[in-house]
Amino acid sequence: MAGSQTVAGLLPGVEFSTRHPYPDARRLIDAGVTVSIATDCNPGSSYTSSMPFCVALAVREMGMTPREALWSATSGGAQSLRREDVGHLRLGATADYAVLDAPSYVHLAYRPGVPLVLSTN
């Protein structure tokens, strides 16, 4: 997977809801695999639509750093969809962002359940 365009889509909300073991994101990342995280919100296996909660789970349960989890939730997701116009803040990108009411993005991982989004675009 590391040498391909394949993105490993990890769904921490599913493991939380179903009590199945979490995937080893650390092992994938260390092997050079591109990783994305998403909620997979649905009534059968994932009961959350909260990306901050999934970021927190990715850090706490899957071995990711806050930076890796945030990247996987944004740029990793865009890469999995083959979208170059979203998932990052660069000239020419589609503006789709959230402003946090927190001193740092790491609060997404370390303050699960706390509403940190101040505004979105």
PDB file of N, CA and C in Angstrom:
ATOM      1  N   MET A   1       0.815  -1.194   0.000  1.00  0.00           N
ATOM      2  CA  MET A   1       0.000   0.000   0.000  1.00  0.00           C
ATOM      3  C   MET A   1       0.859   1.259   0.000  1.00  0.00           C
ATOM      4  N   ALA A   2       2.023   1.191   0.617  1.00  0.00           N
ATOM      5  CA  ALA A   2       2.852   2.376   0.770  1.00  0.00           C
ATOM      6  C   ALA A   2       3.288   2.959  -0.572  1.00  0.00           C
ATOM      7  N   GLY A   3       3.528   2.140  -1.549  1.00  0.00           N
ATOM      8  CA  GLY A   3       4.000   2.632  -2.831  1.00  0.00           C
ATOM      9  C   GLY A   3       2.890   2.929  -3.819  1.00  0.00           C
ATOM     10  N   SER A   4       1.657   2.839  -3.398  1.00  0.00           N
ATOM     11  CA  SER A   4       0.530   3.018  -4.304  1.00  0.00           C
ATOM     12  C   SER A   4      -0.223   4.308  -3.988  1.00  0.00           C
ATOM     13  N   GLN A   5      -1.269   4.574  -4.749  1.00  0.00           N
ATOM     14  CA  GLN A   5      -2.140   5.711  -4.477  1.00  0.00           C
ATOM     15  C   GLN A   5      -3.279   5.341  -3.532  1.00  0.00           C
ATOM     16  N   THR A   6      -3.256   4.139  -3.013  1.00  0.00           N
ATOM     17  CA  THR A   6      -4.294   3.676  -2.103  1.00  0.00           C
ATOM     18  C   THR A   6      -4.185   4.393  -0.770  1.00  0.00           C
ATOM     19  N   VAL A   7      -5.334   4.798  -0.226  1.00  0.00           N
ATOM     20  CA  VAL A   7      -5.400   5.436   1.081  1.00  0.00           C
ATOM     21  C   VAL A   7      -6.145   4.491   2.017  1.00  0.00           C
ATOM     22  N   ALA A   8      -5.553   4.202   3.165  1.00  0.00           N
ATOM     23  CA  ALA A   8      -6.201   3.355   4.158  1.00  0.00           C
ATOM     24  C   ALA A   8      -7.214   4.204   4.915  1.00  0.00           C
ATOM     25  N   GLY A   9      -8.487   3.923   4.741  1.00  0.00           N
ATOM     26  CA  GLY A   9      -9.550   4.663   5.419  1.00  0.00           C
ATOM     27  C   GLY A   9      -9.861   4.046   6.765  1.00  0.00           C
ATOM     28  N   LEU A  10      -9.527   4.751   7.829  1.00  0.00           N
ATOM     29  CA  LEU A  10      -9.761   4.260   9.187  1.00  0.00           C
ATOM     30  C   LEU A  10     -10.983   4.955   9.775  1.00  0.00           C
ATOM     31  N   LEU A  11     -11.787   4.196  10.504  1.00  0.00           N
ATOM     32  CA  LEU A  11     -13.068   4.676  11.007  1.00  0.00           C
ATOM     33  C   LEU A  11     -13.144   4.450  12.518  1.00  0.00           C
ATOM     34  N   PRO A  12     -12.500   5.318  13.306  1.00  0.00           N
ATOM     35  CA  PRO A  12     -12.444   5.086  14.746  1.00  0.00           C
ATOM     36  C   PRO A  12     -13.806   5.049  15.425  1.00  0.00           C
ATOM     37  N   GLY A  13     -14.806   5.714  14.873  1.00  0.00           N
ATOM     38  CA  GLY A  13     -16.145   5.673  15.457  1.00  0.00           C
ATOM     39  C   GLY A  13     -16.760   4.288  15.393  1.00  0.00           C
ATOM     40  N   VAL A  14     -16.392   3.512  14.376  1.00  0.00           N
ATOM     41  CA  VAL A  14     -16.910   2.150  14.240  1.00  0.00           C
ATOM     42  C   VAL A  14     -16.379   1.280  15.370  1.00  0.00           C
ATOM     43  N   GLU A  15     -15.076   1.334  15.598  1.00  0.00           N
ATOM     44  CA  GLU A  15     -14.502   0.517  16.676  1.00  0.00           C
ATOM     45  C   GLU A  15     -15.043   0.951  18.036  1.00  0.00           C
ATOM     46  N   PHE A  16     -15.249   2.252  18.210  1.00  0.00           N
ATOM     47  CA  PHE A  16     -15.819   2.732  19.465  1.00  0.00           C
ATOM     48  C   PHE A  16     -17.225   2.168  19.667  1.00  0.00           C
ATOM     49  N   SER A  17     -18.050   2.226  18.624  1.00  0.00           N
ATOM     50  CA  SER A  17     -19.442   1.787  18.727  1.00  0.00           C
ATOM     51  C   SER A  17     -19.595   0.272  18.822  1.00  0.00           C
ATOM     52  N   THR A  18     -18.752  -0.457  18.104  1.00  0.00           N
ATOM     53  CA  THR A  18     -18.887  -1.913  18.059  1.00  0.00           C
ATOM     54  C   THR A  18     -17.989  -2.642  19.067  1.00  0.00           C
ATOM     55  N   ARG A  19     -17.121  -1.903  19.696  1.00  0.00           N
ATOM     56  CA  ARG A  19     -16.155  -2.455  20.659  1.00  0.00           C
ATOM     57  C   ARG A  19     -15.203  -3.458  20.024  1.00  0.00           C
ATOM     58  N   HIS A  20     -14.958  -3.295  18.732  1.00  0.00           N
ATOM     59  CA  HIS A  20     -13.955  -4.111  18.062  1.00  0.00           C
ATOM     60  C   HIS A  20     -12.586  -3.469  18.277  1.00  0.00           C
ATOM     61  N   PRO A  21     -11.511  -4.215  18.096  1.00  0.00           N
ATOM     62  CA  PRO A  21     -10.167  -3.640  18.258  1.00  0.00           C
ATOM     63  C   PRO A  21      -9.921  -2.521  17.241  1.00  0.00           C
ATOM     64  N   TYR A  22      -9.218  -1.501  17.681  1.00  0.00           N
ATOM     65  CA  TYR A  22      -8.858  -0.395  16.798  1.00  0.00           C
ATOM     66  C   TYR A  22      -7.719  -0.823  15.875  1.00  0.00           C
ATOM     67  N   PRO A  23      -7.705  -0.320  14.643  1.00  0.00           N
ATOM     68  CA  PRO A  23      -6.583  -0.632  13.758  1.00  0.00           C
ATOM     69  C   PRO A  23      -5.314   0.054  14.261  1.00  0.00           C
ATOM     70  N   ASP A  24      -4.181  -0.487  13.904  1.00  0.00           N
ATOM     71  CA  ASP A  24      -2.887   0.047  14.314  1.00  0.00           C
ATOM     72  C   ASP A  24      -2.427   1.093  13.299  1.00  0.00           C
ATOM     73  N   ALA A  25      -2.920   2.310  13.462  1.00  0.00           N
ATOM     74  CA  ALA A  25      -2.553   3.394  12.540  1.00  0.00           C
ATOM     75  C   ALA A  25      -1.056   3.669  12.597  1.00  0.00           C
ATOM     76  N   ARG A  26      -0.470   3.545  13.773  1.00  0.00           N
ATOM     77  CA  ARG A  26       0.972   3.797  13.916  1.00  0.00           C
ATOM     78  C   ARG A  26       1.771   2.901  12.985  1.00  0.00           C
ATOM     79  N   ARG A  27       1.388   1.628  12.933  1.00  0.00           N
ATOM     80  CA  ARG A  27       2.089   0.666  12.075  1.00  0.00           C
ATOM     81  C   ARG A  27       1.938   1.036  10.596  1.00  0.00           C
ATOM     82  N   LEU A  28       0.732   1.425  10.204  1.00  0.00           N
ATOM     83  CA  LEU A  28       0.497   1.839   8.810  1.00  0.00           C
ATOM     84  C   LEU A  28       1.320   3.068   8.455  1.00  0.00           C
ATOM     85  N   ILE A  29       1.267   4.079   9.310  1.00  0.00           N
ATOM     86  CA  ILE A  29       1.994   5.326   9.041  1.00  0.00           C
ATOM     87  C   ILE A  29       3.495   5.076   8.993  1.00  0.00           C
ATOM     88  N   ASP A  30       4.006   4.309   9.944  1.00  0.00           N
ATOM     89  CA  ASP A  30       5.438   4.010   9.962  1.00  0.00           C
ATOM     90  C   ASP A  30       5.877   3.229   8.732  1.00  0.00           C
ATOM     91  N   ALA A  31       4.949   2.481   8.126  1.00  0.00           N
ATOM     92  CA  ALA A  31       5.252   1.725   6.907  1.00  0.00           C
ATOM     93  C   ALA A  31       5.121   2.589   5.655  1.00  0.00           C
ATOM     94  N   GLY A  32       4.704   3.859   5.818  1.00  0.00           N
ATOM     95  CA  GLY A  32       4.595   4.763   4.679  1.00  0.00           C
ATOM     96  C   GLY A  32       3.238   4.775   3.999  1.00  0.00           C
ATOM     97  N   VAL A  33       2.238   4.181   4.635  1.00  0.00           N
ATOM     98  CA  VAL A  33       0.890   4.137   4.068  1.00  0.00           C
ATOM     99  C   VAL A  33       0.190   5.477   4.333  1.00  0.00           C
ATOM    100  N   THR A  34      -0.498   6.001   3.327  1.00  0.00           N
ATOM    101  CA  THR A  34      -1.320   7.194   3.505  1.00  0.00           C
ATOM    102  C   THR A  34      -2.595   6.785   4.204  1.00  0.00           C
ATOM    103  N   VAL A  35      -2.958   7.530   5.265  1.00  0.00           N
ATOM    104  CA  VAL A  35      -4.100   7.181   6.102  1.00  0.00           C
ATOM    105  C   VAL A  35      -5.106   8.327   6.112  1.00  0.00           C
ATOM    106  N   SER A  36      -6.384   7.982   6.069  1.00  0.00           N
ATOM    107  CA  SER A  36      -7.449   8.961   6.289  1.00  0.00           C
ATOM    108  C   SER A  36      -8.297   8.463   7.457  1.00  0.00           C
ATOM    109  N   ILE A  37      -8.949   9.419   8.136  1.00  0.00           N
ATOM    110  CA  ILE A  37      -9.919   9.022   9.153  1.00  0.00           C
ATOM    111  C   ILE A  37     -11.239   9.710   8.854  1.00  0.00           C
ATOM    112  N   ALA A  38     -12.318   9.016   9.174  1.00  0.00           N
ATOM    113  CA  ALA A  38     -13.666   9.531   8.954  1.00  0.00           C
ATOM    114  C   ALA A  38     -14.593   8.964  10.021  1.00  0.00           C
ATOM    115  N   THR A  39     -15.821   9.462  10.070  1.00  0.00           N
ATOM    116  CA  THR A  39     -16.771   9.015  11.090  1.00  0.00           C
ATOM    117  C   THR A  39     -17.525   7.756  10.686  1.00  0.00           C
ATOM    118  N   ASP A  40     -17.860   7.615   9.416  1.00  0.00           N
ATOM    119  CA  ASP A  40     -18.727   6.539   8.927  1.00  0.00           C
ATOM    120  C   ASP A  40     -20.048   6.523   9.695  1.00  0.00           C
ATOM    121  N   CYS A  41     -20.580   7.704   9.990  1.00  0.00           N
ATOM    122  CA  CYS A  41     -21.810   7.801  10.769  1.00  0.00           C
ATOM    123  C   CYS A  41     -22.945   7.045  10.091  1.00  0.00           C
ATOM    124  N   ASN A  42     -23.494   6.067  10.808  1.00  0.00           N
ATOM    125  CA  ASN A  42     -24.622   5.280  10.313  1.00  0.00           C
ATOM    126  C   ASN A  42     -25.265   4.587  11.505  1.00  0.00           C
ATOM    127  N   PRO A  43     -26.509   4.142  11.378  1.00  0.00           N
ATOM    128  CA  PRO A  43     -27.200   3.546  12.527  1.00  0.00           C
ATOM    129  C   PRO A  43     -26.774   2.121  12.862  1.00  0.00           C
ATOM    130  N   GLY A  44     -25.925   1.515  12.060  1.00  0.00           N
ATOM    131  CA  GLY A  44     -25.560   0.131  12.301  1.00  0.00           C
ATOM    132  C   GLY A  44     -24.237  -0.071  13.009  1.00  0.00           C
ATOM    133  N   SER A  45     -23.243   0.801  12.720  1.00  0.00           N
ATOM    134  CA  SER A  45     -21.923   0.524  13.293  1.00  0.00           C
ATOM    135  C   SER A  45     -21.165   1.748  13.778  1.00  0.00           C
ATOM    136  N   SER A  46     -21.676   2.937  13.538  1.00  0.00           N
ATOM    137  CA  SER A  46     -20.980   4.133  14.010  1.00  0.00           C
ATOM    138  C   SER A  46     -22.022   5.190  14.335  1.00  0.00           C
ATOM    139  N   TYR A  47     -22.096   5.534  15.605  1.00  0.00           N
ATOM    140  CA  TYR A  47     -23.173   6.404  16.067  1.00  0.00           C
ATOM    141  C   TYR A  47     -22.745   7.855  16.235  1.00  0.00           C
ATOM    142  N   THR A  48     -21.631   8.246  15.654  1.00  0.00           N
ATOM    143  CA  THR A  48     -21.170   9.625  15.813  1.00  0.00           C
ATOM    144  C   THR A  48     -20.921  10.281  14.464  1.00  0.00           C
ATOM    145  N   SER A  49     -21.186  11.568  14.405  1.00  0.00           N
ATOM    146  CA  SER A  49     -20.828  12.377  13.238  1.00  0.00           C
ATOM    147  C   SER A  49     -19.739  13.373  13.615  1.00  0.00           C
ATOM    148  N   SER A  50     -19.166  13.215  14.793  1.00  0.00           N
ATOM    149  CA  SER A  50     -18.179  14.162  15.319  1.00  0.00           C
ATOM    150  C   SER A  50     -16.762  13.827  14.856  1.00  0.00           C
ATOM    151  N   MET A  51     -16.237  14.634  13.941  1.00  0.00           N
ATOM    152  CA  MET A  51     -14.850  14.454  13.525  1.00  0.00           C
ATOM    153  C   MET A  51     -13.877  14.759  14.659  1.00  0.00           C
ATOM    154  N   PRO A  52     -14.122  15.790  15.504  1.00  0.00           N
ATOM    155  CA  PRO A  52     -13.205  15.974  16.634  1.00  0.00           C
ATOM    156  C   PRO A  52     -13.125  14.737  17.533  1.00  0.00           C
ATOM    157  N   PHE A  53     -14.250  14.073  17.751  1.00  0.00           N
ATOM    158  CA  PHE A  53     -14.245  12.851  18.555  1.00  0.00           C
ATOM    159  C   PHE A  53     -13.415  11.770  17.869  1.00  0.00           C
ATOM    160  N   CYS A  54     -13.552  11.634  16.552  1.00  0.00           N
ATOM    161  CA  CYS A  54     -12.772  10.629  15.817  1.00  0.00           C
ATOM    162  C   CYS A  54     -11.283  10.966  15.819  1.00  0.00           C
ATOM    163  N   VAL A  55     -10.951  12.257  15.758  1.00  0.00           N
ATOM    164  CA  VAL A  55      -9.554  12.672  15.884  1.00  0.00           C
ATOM    165  C   VAL A  55      -9.016  12.257  17.253  1.00  0.00           C
ATOM    166  N   ALA A  56      -9.795  12.506  18.298  1.00  0.00           N
ATOM    167  CA  ALA A  56      -9.373  12.130  19.650  1.00  0.00           C
ATOM    168  C   ALA A  56      -9.184  10.616  19.769  1.00  0.00           C
ATOM    169  N   LEU A  57     -10.097   9.844  19.201  1.00  0.00           N
ATOM    170  CA  LEU A  57      -9.959   8.381  19.233  1.00  0.00           C
ATOM    171  C   LEU A  57      -8.728   7.921  18.462  1.00  0.00           C
ATOM    172  N   ALA A  58      -8.453   8.556  17.331  1.00  0.00           N
ATOM    173  CA  ALA A  58      -7.288   8.178  16.529  1.00  0.00           C
ATOM    174  C   ALA A  58      -6.001   8.378  17.322  1.00  0.00           C
ATOM    175  N   VAL A  59      -5.954   9.442  18.105  1.00  0.00           N
ATOM    176  CA  VAL A  59      -4.771   9.708  18.926  1.00  0.00           C
ATOM    177  C   VAL A  59      -4.720   8.749  20.110  1.00  0.00           C
ATOM    178  N   ARG A  60      -5.813   8.635  20.828  1.00  0.00           N
ATOM    179  CA  ARG A  60      -5.831   7.836  22.062  1.00  0.00           C
ATOM    180  C   ARG A  60      -5.752   6.338  21.806  1.00  0.00           C
ATOM    181  N   GLU A  61      -6.460   5.868  20.782  1.00  0.00           N
ATOM    182  CA  GLU A  61      -6.611   4.419  20.591  1.00  0.00           C
ATOM    183  C   GLU A  61      -5.830   3.835  19.413  1.00  0.00           C
ATOM    184  N   MET A  62      -5.423   4.678  18.467  1.00  0.00           N
ATOM    185  CA  MET A  62      -4.807   4.137  17.254  1.00  0.00           C
ATOM    186  C   MET A  62      -3.342   4.535  17.089  1.00  0.00           C
ATOM    187  N   GLY A  63      -2.785   5.252  18.069  1.00  0.00           N
ATOM    188  CA  GLY A  63      -1.357   5.548  18.045  1.00  0.00           C
ATOM    189  C   GLY A  63      -0.926   6.713  17.180  1.00  0.00           C
ATOM    190  N   MET A  64      -1.867   7.537  16.762  1.00  0.00           N
ATOM    191  CA  MET A  64      -1.513   8.679  15.920  1.00  0.00           C
ATOM    192  C   MET A  64      -1.148   9.882  16.792  1.00  0.00           C
ATOM    193  N   THR A  65      -0.309  10.751  16.251  1.00  0.00           N
ATOM    194  CA  THR A  65      -0.057  12.030  16.910  1.00  0.00           C
ATOM    195  C   THR A  65      -1.213  12.963  16.561  1.00  0.00           C
ATOM    196  N   PRO A  66      -1.425  14.028  17.321  1.00  0.00           N
ATOM    197  CA  PRO A  66      -2.469  14.988  16.943  1.00  0.00           C
ATOM    198  C   PRO A  66      -2.282  15.535  15.530  1.00  0.00           C
ATOM    199  N   ARG A  67      -1.064  15.814  15.150  1.00  0.00           N
ATOM    200  CA  ARG A  67      -0.783  16.317  13.792  1.00  0.00           C
ATOM    201  C   ARG A  67      -1.184  15.288  12.737  1.00  0.00           C
ATOM    202  N   GLU A  68      -0.821  14.031  12.940  1.00  0.00           N
ATOM    203  CA  GLU A  68      -1.172  12.976  11.988  1.00  0.00           C
ATOM    204  C   GLU A  68      -2.680  12.790  11.897  1.00  0.00           C
ATOM    205  N   ALA A  69      -3.352  12.829  13.032  1.00  0.00           N
ATOM    206  CA  ALA A  69      -4.809  12.647  13.033  1.00  0.00           C
ATOM    207  C   ALA A  69      -5.504  13.789  12.309  1.00  0.00           C
ATOM    208  N   LEU A  70      -5.079  15.025  12.552  1.00  0.00           N
ATOM    209  CA  LEU A  70      -5.674  16.169  11.858  1.00  0.00           C
ATOM    210  C   LEU A  70      -5.396  16.095  10.359  1.00  0.00           C
ATOM    211  N   TRP A  71      -4.160  15.752   9.991  1.00  0.00           N
ATOM    212  CA  TRP A  71      -3.824  15.618   8.573  1.00  0.00           C
ATOM    213  C   TRP A  71      -4.675  14.524   7.933  1.00  0.00           C
ATOM    214  N   SER A  72      -4.833  13.397   8.626  1.00  0.00           N
ATOM    215  CA  SER A  72      -5.618  12.287   8.083  1.00  0.00           C
ATOM    216  C   SER A  72      -7.088  12.636   7.932  1.00  0.00           C
ATOM    217  N   ALA A  73      -7.593  13.499   8.821  1.00  0.00           N
ATOM    218  CA  ALA A  73      -8.996  13.921   8.763  1.00  0.00           C
ATOM    219  C   ALA A  73      -9.240  14.958   7.665  1.00  0.00           C
ATOM    220  N   THR A  74      -8.189  15.594   7.186  1.00  0.00           N
ATOM    221  CA  THR A  74      -8.340  16.647   6.180  1.00  0.00           C
ATOM    222  C   THR A  74      -7.664  16.236   4.871  1.00  0.00           C
ATOM    223  N   SER A  75      -6.374  16.346   4.805  1.00  0.00           N
ATOM    224  CA  SER A  75      -5.649  16.006   3.575  1.00  0.00           C
ATOM    225  C   SER A  75      -5.748  14.527   3.227  1.00  0.00           C
ATOM    226  N   GLY A  76      -5.710  13.663   4.226  1.00  0.00           N
ATOM    227  CA  GLY A  76      -5.836  12.230   3.955  1.00  0.00           C
ATOM    228  C   GLY A  76      -7.180  11.886   3.350  1.00  0.00           C
ATOM    229  N   GLY A  77      -8.243  12.501   3.885  1.00  0.00           N
ATOM    230  CA  GLY A  77      -9.577  12.290   3.324  1.00  0.00           C
ATOM    231  C   GLY A  77      -9.679  12.796   1.896  1.00  0.00           C
ATOM    232  N   ALA A  78      -9.096  13.964   1.647  1.00  0.00           N
ATOM    233  CA  ALA A  78      -9.109  14.516   0.288  1.00  0.00           C
ATOM    234  C   ALA A  78      -8.349  13.605  -0.672  1.00  0.00           C
ATOM    235  N   GLN A  79      -7.210  13.087  -0.225  1.00  0.00           N
ATOM    236  CA  GLN A  79      -6.449  12.176  -1.082  1.00  0.00           C
ATOM    237  C   GLN A  79      -7.227  10.905  -1.380  1.00  0.00           C
ATOM    238  N   SER A  80      -7.974  10.411  -0.411  1.00  0.00           N
ATOM    239  CA  SER A  80      -8.737   9.184  -0.642  1.00  0.00           C
ATOM    240  C   SER A  80      -9.813   9.389  -1.702  1.00  0.00           C
ATOM    241  N   LEU A  81     -10.259  10.637  -1.846  1.00  0.00           N
ATOM    242  CA  LEU A  81     -11.265  10.972  -2.858  1.00  0.00           C
ATOM    243  C   LEU A  81     -10.639  11.507  -4.143  1.00  0.00           C
ATOM    244  N   ARG A  82      -9.306  11.517  -4.192  1.00  0.00           N
ATOM    245  CA  ARG A  82      -8.562  12.058  -5.340  1.00  0.00           C
ATOM    246  C   ARG A  82      -8.921  13.534  -5.589  1.00  0.00           C
ATOM    247  N   ARG A  83      -9.097  14.280  -4.494  1.00  0.00           N
ATOM    248  CA  ARG A  83      -9.438  15.705  -4.572  1.00  0.00           C
ATOM    249  C   ARG A  83      -8.207  16.525  -4.219  1.00  0.00           C
ATOM    250  N   GLU A  84      -7.722  17.304  -5.156  1.00  0.00           N
ATOM    251  CA  GLU A  84      -6.572  18.166  -4.909  1.00  0.00           C
ATOM    252  C   GLU A  84      -6.989  19.575  -4.516  1.00  0.00           C
ATOM    253  N   ASP A  85      -8.282  19.878  -4.619  1.00  0.00           N
ATOM    254  CA  ASP A  85      -8.763  21.233  -4.363  1.00  0.00           C
ATOM    255  C   ASP A  85      -9.235  21.440  -2.925  1.00  0.00           C
ATOM    256  N   VAL A  86      -9.256  20.395  -2.117  1.00  0.00           N
ATOM    257  CA  VAL A  86      -9.710  20.498  -0.726  1.00  0.00           C
ATOM    258  C   VAL A  86      -8.731  19.738   0.181  1.00  0.00           C
ATOM    259  N   GLY A  87      -8.911  19.915   1.491  1.00  0.00           N
ATOM    260  CA  GLY A  87      -8.100  19.178   2.449  1.00  0.00           C
ATOM    261  C   GLY A  87      -6.844  19.904   2.880  1.00  0.00           C
ATOM    262  N   HIS A  88      -6.671  21.129   2.406  1.00  0.00           N
ATOM    263  CA  HIS A  88      -5.485  21.910   2.751  1.00  0.00           C
ATOM    264  C   HIS A  88      -5.802  23.386   2.581  1.00  0.00           C
ATOM    265  N   LEU A  89      -4.974  24.231   3.157  1.00  0.00           N
ATOM    266  CA  LEU A  89      -5.103  25.678   2.988  1.00  0.00           C
ATOM    267  C   LEU A  89      -3.937  26.150   2.138  1.00  0.00           C
ATOM    268  N   ARG A  90      -4.188  26.270   0.833  1.00  0.00           N
ATOM    269  CA  ARG A  90      -3.175  26.740  -0.109  1.00  0.00           C
ATOM    270  C   ARG A  90      -3.859  27.590  -1.168  1.00  0.00           C
ATOM    271  N   LEU A  91      -3.087  28.386  -1.834  1.00  0.00           N
ATOM    272  CA  LEU A  91      -3.583  29.219  -2.916  1.00  0.00           C
ATOM    273  C   LEU A  91      -4.285  28.344  -3.960  1.00  0.00           C
ATOM    274  N   GLY A  92      -5.511  28.697  -4.301  1.00  0.00           N
ATOM    275  CA  GLY A  92      -6.272  27.962  -5.292  1.00  0.00           C
ATOM    276  C   GLY A  92      -7.169  26.883  -4.714  1.00  0.00           C
ATOM    277  N   ALA A  93      -7.039  26.596  -3.428  1.00  0.00           N
ATOM    278  CA  ALA A  93      -7.872  25.566  -2.801  1.00  0.00           C
ATOM    279  C   ALA A  93      -9.259  26.129  -2.502  1.00  0.00           C
ATOM    280  N   THR A  94     -10.242  25.252  -2.436  1.00  0.00           N
ATOM    281  CA  THR A  94     -11.588  25.637  -2.045  1.00  0.00           C
ATOM    282  C   THR A  94     -11.591  25.919  -0.548  1.00  0.00           C
ATOM    283  N   ALA A  95     -12.079  27.092  -0.177  1.00  0.00           N
ATOM    284  CA  ALA A  95     -12.089  27.473   1.243  1.00  0.00           C
ATOM    285  C   ALA A  95     -13.202  26.732   1.970  1.00  0.00           C
ATOM    286  N   ASP A  96     -12.820  25.802   2.805  1.00  0.00           N
ATOM    287  CA  ASP A  96     -13.740  25.018   3.619  1.00  0.00           C
ATOM    288  C   ASP A  96     -12.994  24.723   4.907  1.00  0.00           C
ATOM    289  N   TYR A  97     -13.253  25.500   5.939  1.00  0.00           N
ATOM    290  CA  TYR A  97     -12.439  25.383   7.140  1.00  0.00           C
ATOM    291  C   TYR A  97     -13.270  25.640   8.393  1.00  0.00           C
ATOM    292  N   ALA A  98     -12.676  25.296   9.513  1.00  0.00           N
ATOM    293  CA  ALA A  98     -13.289  25.549  10.809  1.00  0.00           C
ATOM    294  C   ALA A  98     -12.311  26.364  11.654  1.00  0.00           C
ATOM    295  N   VAL A  99     -12.828  27.356  12.351  1.00  0.00           N
ATOM    296  CA  VAL A  99     -12.027  28.146  13.283  1.00  0.00           C
ATOM    297  C   VAL A  99     -12.288  27.591  14.679  1.00  0.00           C
ATOM    298  N   LEU A 100     -11.218  27.239  15.373  1.00  0.00           N
ATOM    299  CA  LEU A 100     -11.347  26.647  16.704  1.00  0.00           C
ATOM    300  C   LEU A 100     -11.249  27.709  17.794  1.00  0.00           C
ATOM    301  N   ASP A 101     -12.018  27.518  18.838  1.00  0.00           N
ATOM    302  CA  ASP A 101     -11.921  28.335  20.036  1.00  0.00           C
ATOM    303  C   ASP A 101     -11.009  27.598  21.009  1.00  0.00           C
ATOM    304  N   ALA A 102      -9.738  27.520  20.632  1.00  0.00           N
ATOM    305  CA  ALA A 102      -8.736  26.796  21.416  1.00  0.00           C
ATOM    306  C   ALA A 102      -7.362  27.370  21.064  1.00  0.00           C
ATOM    307  N   PRO A 103      -6.412  27.269  21.974  1.00  0.00           N
ATOM    308  CA  PRO A 103      -5.085  27.812  21.692  1.00  0.00           C
ATOM    309  C   PRO A 103      -4.301  27.029  20.640  1.00  0.00           C
ATOM    310  N   SER A 104      -4.703  25.769  20.360  1.00  0.00           N
ATOM    311  CA  SER A 104      -3.975  24.941  19.413  1.00  0.00           C
ATOM    312  C   SER A 104      -4.883  23.834  18.884  1.00  0.00           C
ATOM    313  N   TYR A 105      -4.565  23.334  17.698  1.00  0.00           N
ATOM    314  CA  TYR A 105      -5.322  22.221  17.128  1.00  0.00           C
ATOM    315  C   TYR A 105      -5.210  20.966  17.985  1.00  0.00           C
ATOM    316  N   VAL A 106      -4.185  20.840  18.808  1.00  0.00           N
ATOM    317  CA  VAL A 106      -4.034  19.634  19.619  1.00  0.00           C
ATOM    318  C   VAL A 106      -5.190  19.453  20.597  1.00  0.00           C
ATOM    319  N   HIS A 107      -5.917  20.528  20.871  1.00  0.00           N
ATOM    320  CA  HIS A 107      -7.079  20.415  21.754  1.00  0.00           C
ATOM    321  C   HIS A 107      -8.165  19.537  21.140  1.00  0.00           C
ATOM    322  N   LEU A 108      -8.184  19.385  19.812  1.00  0.00           N
ATOM    323  CA  LEU A 108      -9.119  18.455  19.171  1.00  0.00           C
ATOM    324  C   LEU A 108      -8.897  17.036  19.703  1.00  0.00           C
ATOM    325  N   ALA A 109      -7.652  16.686  19.933  1.00  0.00           N
ATOM    326  CA  ALA A 109      -7.319  15.339  20.404  1.00  0.00           C
ATOM    327  C   ALA A 109      -7.431  15.204  21.914  1.00  0.00           C
ATOM    328  N   TYR A 110      -7.146  16.264  22.631  1.00  0.00           N
ATOM    329  CA  TYR A 110      -7.035  16.154  24.083  1.00  0.00           C
ATOM    330  C   TYR A 110      -8.252  16.658  24.850  1.00  0.00           C
ATOM    331  N   ARG A 111      -9.265  17.164  24.149  1.00  0.00           N
ATOM    332  CA  ARG A 111     -10.476  17.635  24.819  1.00  0.00           C
ATOM    333  C   ARG A 111     -11.706  17.057  24.141  1.00  0.00           C
ATOM    334  N   PRO A 112     -11.811  15.719  24.045  1.00  0.00           N
ATOM    335  CA  PRO A 112     -12.954  15.118  23.340  1.00  0.00           C
ATOM    336  C   PRO A 112     -14.274  15.485  24.014  1.00  0.00           C
ATOM    337  N   GLY A 113     -15.241  15.787  23.192  1.00  0.00           N
ATOM    338  CA  GLY A 113     -16.571  16.140  23.709  1.00  0.00           C
ATOM    339  C   GLY A 113     -16.748  17.604  24.005  1.00  0.00           C
ATOM    340  N   VAL A 114     -15.657  18.365  24.004  1.00  0.00           N
ATOM    341  CA  VAL A 114     -15.746  19.806  24.262  1.00  0.00           C
ATOM    342  C   VAL A 114     -15.975  20.503  22.924  1.00  0.00           C
ATOM    343  N   PRO A 115     -17.035  21.311  22.806  1.00  0.00           N
ATOM    344  CA  PRO A 115     -17.290  21.985  21.522  1.00  0.00           C
ATOM    345  C   PRO A 115     -16.264  23.098  21.275  1.00  0.00           C
ATOM    346  N   LEU A 116     -15.315  22.833  20.396  1.00  0.00           N
ATOM    347  CA  LEU A 116     -14.235  23.768  20.143  1.00  0.00           C
ATOM    348  C   LEU A 116     -14.410  24.572  18.857  1.00  0.00           C
ATOM    349  N   VAL A 117     -15.361  24.234  18.007  1.00  0.00           N
ATOM    350  CA  VAL A 117     -15.518  24.931  16.735  1.00  0.00           C
ATOM    351  C   VAL A 117     -16.232  26.246  16.979  1.00  0.00           C
ATOM    352  N   LEU A 118     -15.527  27.335  16.666  1.00  0.00           N
ATOM    353  CA  LEU A 118     -16.072  28.676  16.843  1.00  0.00           C
ATOM    354  C   LEU A 118     -16.916  29.082  15.637  1.00  0.00           C
ATOM    355  N   SER A 119     -16.395  28.793  14.443  1.00  0.00           N
ATOM    356  CA  SER A 119     -17.124  29.099  13.209  1.00  0.00           C
ATOM    357  C   SER A 119     -16.614  28.218  12.092  1.00  0.00           C
ATOM    358  N   THR A 120     -17.409  28.118  11.029  1.00  0.00           N
ATOM    359  CA  THR A 120     -17.010  27.339   9.855  1.00  0.00           C
ATOM    360  C   THR A 120     -17.282  28.142   8.599  1.00  0.00           C
ATOM    361  N   ASN A 121     -16.659  27.696   7.547  1.00  0.00           N
ATOM    362  CA  ASN A 121     -16.897  28.272   6.227  1.00  0.00           C
ATOM    363  C   ASN A 121     -17.087  27.151   5.243  1.00  0.00           C
TER     364      ASN A 121
END
